[in-house]
């Protein structure tokens, strides 16, 4: 697995940047996001799209915010966790400065 595109975020929010990752099979997954929690821990936001009802209205959560549907699915949580760990490791290998705890 390797990072084939990186674009840093320009804002001060939790997003660190967007990137594409190429899997060993040659498949390229586009526009994943590296995020940082308020405590500074890195995490990944996988591609998703807004959820819509058949009548064109947005699907809303109980708090009134619009729901999002993932564009990538995993067989189970173990596979998803492994994928996320591998992607973060690939990011750290290619862009170690993202993990040094300093502001971007």
Protein backbone atom coordinates (compact mmCIF):
# COMPACT_ATOMS: atom_id res chain seq x y z
CA UNK A 1 0.00 0.00 0.00
CA UNK A 2 1.30 3.45 -0.84
CA UNK A 3 0.13 7.05 -0.84
CA UNK A 4 -0.06 8.33 -4.43
CA UNK A 5 -1.54 11.80 -3.83
CA UNK A 6 -1.53 14.18 -0.86
CA UNK A 7 -3.16 17.59 -0.50
CA UNK A 8 -2.92 19.37 2.87
CA UNK A 9 -5.99 21.09 4.28
CA UNK A 10 -5.89 24.85 4.49
CA UNK A 11 -8.23 25.31 7.45
CA UNK A 12 -7.77 25.03 11.19
CA UNK A 13 -10.42 22.33 11.62
CA UNK A 14 -9.84 18.64 12.30
CA UNK A 15 -8.95 17.83 8.67
CA UNK A 16 -5.21 17.46 8.08
CA UNK A 17 -5.45 16.63 4.38
CA UNK A 18 -6.90 14.52 1.59
CA UNK A 19 -5.08 11.69 -0.12
CA UNK A 20 -5.35 8.76 -2.48
CA UNK A 21 -3.99 5.35 -1.56
CA UNK A 22 -2.96 2.59 -3.96
CA UNK A 23 -3.48 -0.93 -2.70
CA UNK A 24 -1.08 -3.75 -3.57
CA UNK A 25 -3.67 -5.01 -6.07
CA UNK A 26 -3.35 -1.75 -8.04
CA UNK A 27 -6.74 -0.43 -6.97
CA UNK A 28 -6.60 3.27 -6.09
CA UNK A 29 -8.98 4.59 -3.44
CA UNK A 30 -9.54 8.31 -3.83
CA UNK A 31 -10.07 11.16 -1.43
CA UNK A 32 -9.60 9.62 1.96
CA UNK A 33 -9.04 12.22 4.67
CA UNK A 34 -6.63 12.27 7.53
CA UNK A 35 -8.22 13.96 10.51
CA UNK A 36 -6.97 14.87 13.95
CA UNK A 37 -9.05 14.65 17.11
CA UNK A 38 -9.15 17.49 19.62
CA UNK A 39 -6.62 15.48 21.65
CA UNK A 40 -4.31 15.31 18.62
CA UNK A 41 -4.83 11.68 17.67
CA UNK A 42 -4.89 10.91 13.91
CA UNK A 43 -7.85 9.10 12.37
CA UNK A 44 -9.23 8.47 8.89
CA UNK A 45 -12.41 9.66 7.27
CA UNK A 46 -13.30 7.33 4.43
CA UNK A 47 -15.15 8.51 1.30
CA UNK A 48 -18.89 8.91 1.77
CA UNK A 49 -21.85 10.68 0.24
CA UNK A 50 -24.93 12.38 1.62
CA UNK A 51 -27.86 10.03 2.15
CA UNK A 52 -31.13 10.86 0.36
CA UNK A 53 -34.63 9.41 0.60
CA UNK A 54 -36.26 8.16 -2.63
CA UNK A 55 -38.38 11.35 -2.70
CA UNK A 56 -35.23 13.52 -2.79
CA UNK A 57 -35.29 14.71 0.80
CA UNK A 58 -32.21 14.22 2.98
CA UNK A 59 -32.03 11.31 5.41
CA UNK A 60 -31.68 12.88 8.84
CA UNK A 61 -30.27 11.58 12.10
CA UNK A 62 -32.23 11.91 15.33
CA UNK A 63 -30.37 15.17 16.05
CA UNK A 64 -31.51 16.65 12.72
CA UNK A 65 -28.13 16.47 10.93
CA UNK A 66 -27.92 14.81 7.52
CA UNK A 67 -26.69 11.22 7.40
CA UNK A 68 -23.82 10.10 5.19
CA UNK A 69 -23.41 6.70 3.51
CA UNK A 70 -19.97 5.10 3.19
CA UNK A 71 -18.65 4.46 -0.31
CA UNK A 72 -16.27 1.74 0.91
CA UNK A 73 -17.53 -1.28 2.82
CA UNK A 74 -15.58 -3.92 4.70
CA UNK A 75 -16.37 -7.57 5.35
CA UNK A 76 -16.13 -7.01 9.10
CA UNK A 77 -14.71 -4.68 11.75
CA UNK A 78 -11.44 -6.62 11.96
CA UNK A 79 -10.75 -6.01 8.25
CA UNK A 80 -11.71 -2.34 8.57
CA UNK A 81 -9.44 -1.83 11.59
CA UNK A 82 -6.53 -3.51 9.79
CA UNK A 83 -7.10 -1.33 6.70
CA UNK A 84 -7.16 1.86 8.76
CA UNK A 85 -3.95 0.86 10.59
CA UNK A 86 -2.18 0.08 7.31
CA UNK A 87 -3.24 3.38 5.76
CA UNK A 88 -2.05 5.38 8.78
CA UNK A 89 1.27 3.46 8.67
CA UNK A 90 1.66 4.27 4.96
CA UNK A 91 0.92 7.94 5.66
CA UNK A 92 3.43 8.01 8.50
CA UNK A 93 6.11 6.39 6.32
CA UNK A 94 5.57 8.91 3.51
CA UNK A 95 4.79 12.02 5.59
CA UNK A 96 6.29 11.59 9.09
CA UNK A 97 5.83 15.30 9.83
CA UNK A 98 2.06 14.70 10.02
CA UNK A 99 2.63 12.60 13.12
CA UNK A 100 5.10 14.75 15.03
CA UNK A 101 2.40 16.47 17.06
CA UNK A 102 3.28 19.93 15.77
CA UNK A 103 0.74 22.22 14.11
CA UNK A 104 0.46 21.65 10.37
